[in-house]
Amino acid sequence: MILERQELTAILILVLVILILGVASVVLDGSRGSFAGAYCETLPDKTLVCHTGVIDSITDTKTGGHQILNVSGITVFLPGTVAEKTWFSKGDTIELTGEMATYQGKREIMISDSDIITIV
């Protein structure tokens, strides 16, 4: 069975696409953190940021099962669905990725998924 020129071209394109996707998955490591910038208080809400620091405190909210972390002076909000999956404690060094948010005039990082918090 001899392939036509168009079939060979199609196979070559498919191989190139597979190679590009493979390289991209290794480089980006499948994480949102690859697209996040460093935390800066002046960034607008919904900007994706990353932050690494030591957990100074963990406070449970009065309602909703949420948690408020203080990570090296930065406030981090964990909604109840994320807080129930937490595995870290005060004094741990963590790396996280989340969106900038403003709550009652104060800046914070809002976490949407527990998979984007890692202990360093």
Protein backbone atom coordinates (compact mmCIF):
# COMPACT_ATOMS: atom_id res chain seq x y z
CA MET A 1 0.00 0.00 0.00
CA ILE A 2 1.55 3.24 -1.17
CA LEU A 3 0.35 6.48 0.37
CA GLU A 4 -0.51 9.46 -1.76
CA ARG A 5 1.22 12.81 -1.29
CA GLN A 6 -1.81 14.34 0.50
CA GLU A 7 -1.97 11.39 2.91
CA LEU A 8 1.72 11.73 3.75
CA THR A 9 1.24 15.45 4.34
CA ALA A 10 -1.72 14.76 6.66
CA ILE A 11 0.32 12.21 8.64
CA LEU A 12 3.22 14.64 8.94
CA ILE A 13 0.91 17.38 10.22
CA LEU A 14 -0.62 15.00 12.79
CA VAL A 15 2.83 13.97 14.03
CA LEU A 16 3.88 17.63 14.36
CA VAL A 17 0.72 18.51 16.30
CA ILE A 18 1.29 15.59 18.68
CA LEU A 19 4.89 16.70 19.23
CA ILE A 20 3.86 20.30 19.88
CA LEU A 21 1.18 19.23 22.38
CA GLY A 22 3.68 16.96 24.13
CA VAL A 23 6.23 19.73 24.48
CA ALA A 24 3.57 22.20 25.66
CA SER A 25 2.32 19.81 28.34
CA VAL A 26 5.85 19.36 29.67
CA VAL A 27 6.71 23.07 29.58
CA LEU A 28 3.42 24.25 31.08
CA ASP A 29 3.15 21.29 33.46
CA GLY A 30 -0.63 21.44 33.13
CA SER A 31 -0.93 24.11 35.79
CA ARG A 32 -2.53 27.52 35.84
CA GLY A 33 0.51 28.83 37.68
CA SER A 34 2.37 28.96 34.39
CA PHE A 35 0.12 31.87 33.37
CA ALA A 36 0.10 33.67 36.73
CA GLY A 37 2.16 36.69 37.64
CA ALA A 38 3.65 37.51 41.03
CA TYR A 39 1.31 38.94 43.67
CA CYS A 40 1.05 42.71 43.68
CA GLU A 41 -1.60 44.53 45.67
CA THR A 42 -2.26 47.01 42.87
CA LEU A 43 -3.28 44.38 40.31
CA PRO A 44 -6.95 44.50 39.25
CA ASP A 45 -9.50 41.96 40.50
CA LYS A 46 -9.59 38.61 38.67
CA THR A 47 -5.90 38.84 37.73
CA LEU A 48 -4.26 35.42 38.11
CA VAL A 49 -1.39 35.58 40.62
CA CYS A 50 0.93 33.19 42.39
CA HIS A 51 2.36 33.55 45.88
CA THR A 52 4.74 31.54 48.04
CA GLY A 53 5.01 32.02 51.77
CA VAL A 54 4.60 30.68 55.28
CA ILE A 55 1.12 30.23 56.76
CA ASP A 56 1.02 32.65 59.70
CA SER A 57 -2.60 31.93 60.64
CA ILE A 58 -5.67 29.93 59.61
CA THR A 59 -9.07 31.33 60.60
CA ASP A 60 -12.42 29.64 60.02
CA THR A 61 -15.27 31.97 59.05
CA LYS A 62 -18.36 32.08 61.25
CA THR A 63 -20.57 30.79 58.44
CA GLY A 64 -20.09 28.92 55.19
CA GLY A 65 -17.15 26.75 56.23
CA HIS A 66 -14.68 29.10 54.54
CA GLN A 67 -11.12 29.74 55.72
CA ILE A 68 -8.97 32.84 55.73
CA LEU A 69 -5.22 32.27 55.60
CA ASN A 70 -2.51 34.78 56.29
CA VAL A 71 0.40 33.69 54.10
CA SER A 72 3.46 35.84 54.80
CA GLY A 73 1.26 38.90 55.29
CA ILE A 74 -1.05 38.25 52.33
CA THR A 75 -4.72 37.38 52.93
CA VAL A 76 -5.87 34.24 51.11
CA PHE A 77 -9.56 33.23 50.95
CA LEU A 78 -10.52 29.55 50.68
CA PRO A 79 -14.20 28.91 49.90
CA GLY A 80 -15.81 26.09 51.87
CA THR A 81 -15.50 23.62 48.99
CA VAL A 82 -11.73 24.16 48.95
CA ALA A 83 -11.29 24.54 52.72
CA GLU A 84 -12.78 21.10 53.38
CA LYS A 85 -9.95 19.55 51.32
CA THR A 86 -7.08 21.35 53.08
CA TRP A 87 -4.15 19.36 54.41
CA PHE A 88 -1.76 22.05 55.59
CA SER A 89 -1.28 23.78 58.94
CA LYS A 90 0.15 26.91 60.49
CA GLY A 91 3.90 27.19 59.83
CA ASP A 92 3.82 25.28 56.52
CA THR A 93 5.38 26.94 53.48
CA ILE A 94 2.95 26.81 50.57
CA GLU A 95 2.81 27.88 46.96
CA LEU A 96 -0.59 28.88 45.60
CA THR A 97 -2.25 30.31 42.54
CA GLY A 98 -5.48 32.31 42.65
CA GLU A 99 -7.30 35.41 41.52
CA MET A 100 -6.92 38.85 42.99
CA ALA A 101 -10.07 40.03 44.75
CA THR A 102 -11.25 42.88 46.94
CA TYR A 103 -13.39 42.12 50.00
CA GLN A 104 -14.61 44.94 52.21
CA GLY A 105 -11.95 47.22 50.72
CA LYS A 106 -9.07 44.83 51.44
CA ARG A 107 -7.01 42.97 48.84
CA GLU A 108 -6.81 39.18 48.92
CA ILE A 109 -6.11 36.14 46.80
CA MET A 110 -9.15 33.95 46.17
CA ILE A 111 -8.46 30.24 45.66
CA SER A 112 -10.85 28.27 43.45
CA ASP A 113 -9.34 24.77 43.65
CA SER A 114 -7.31 22.89 46.26
CA ASP A 115 -5.11 21.41 43.50
CA ILE A 116 -3.39 24.77 43.03
CA ILE A 117 -1.98 24.84 46.56
CA THR A 118 1.20 22.87 47.19
CA ILE A 119 3.41 22.51 50.24
CA VAL A 120 6.96 23.54 49.41
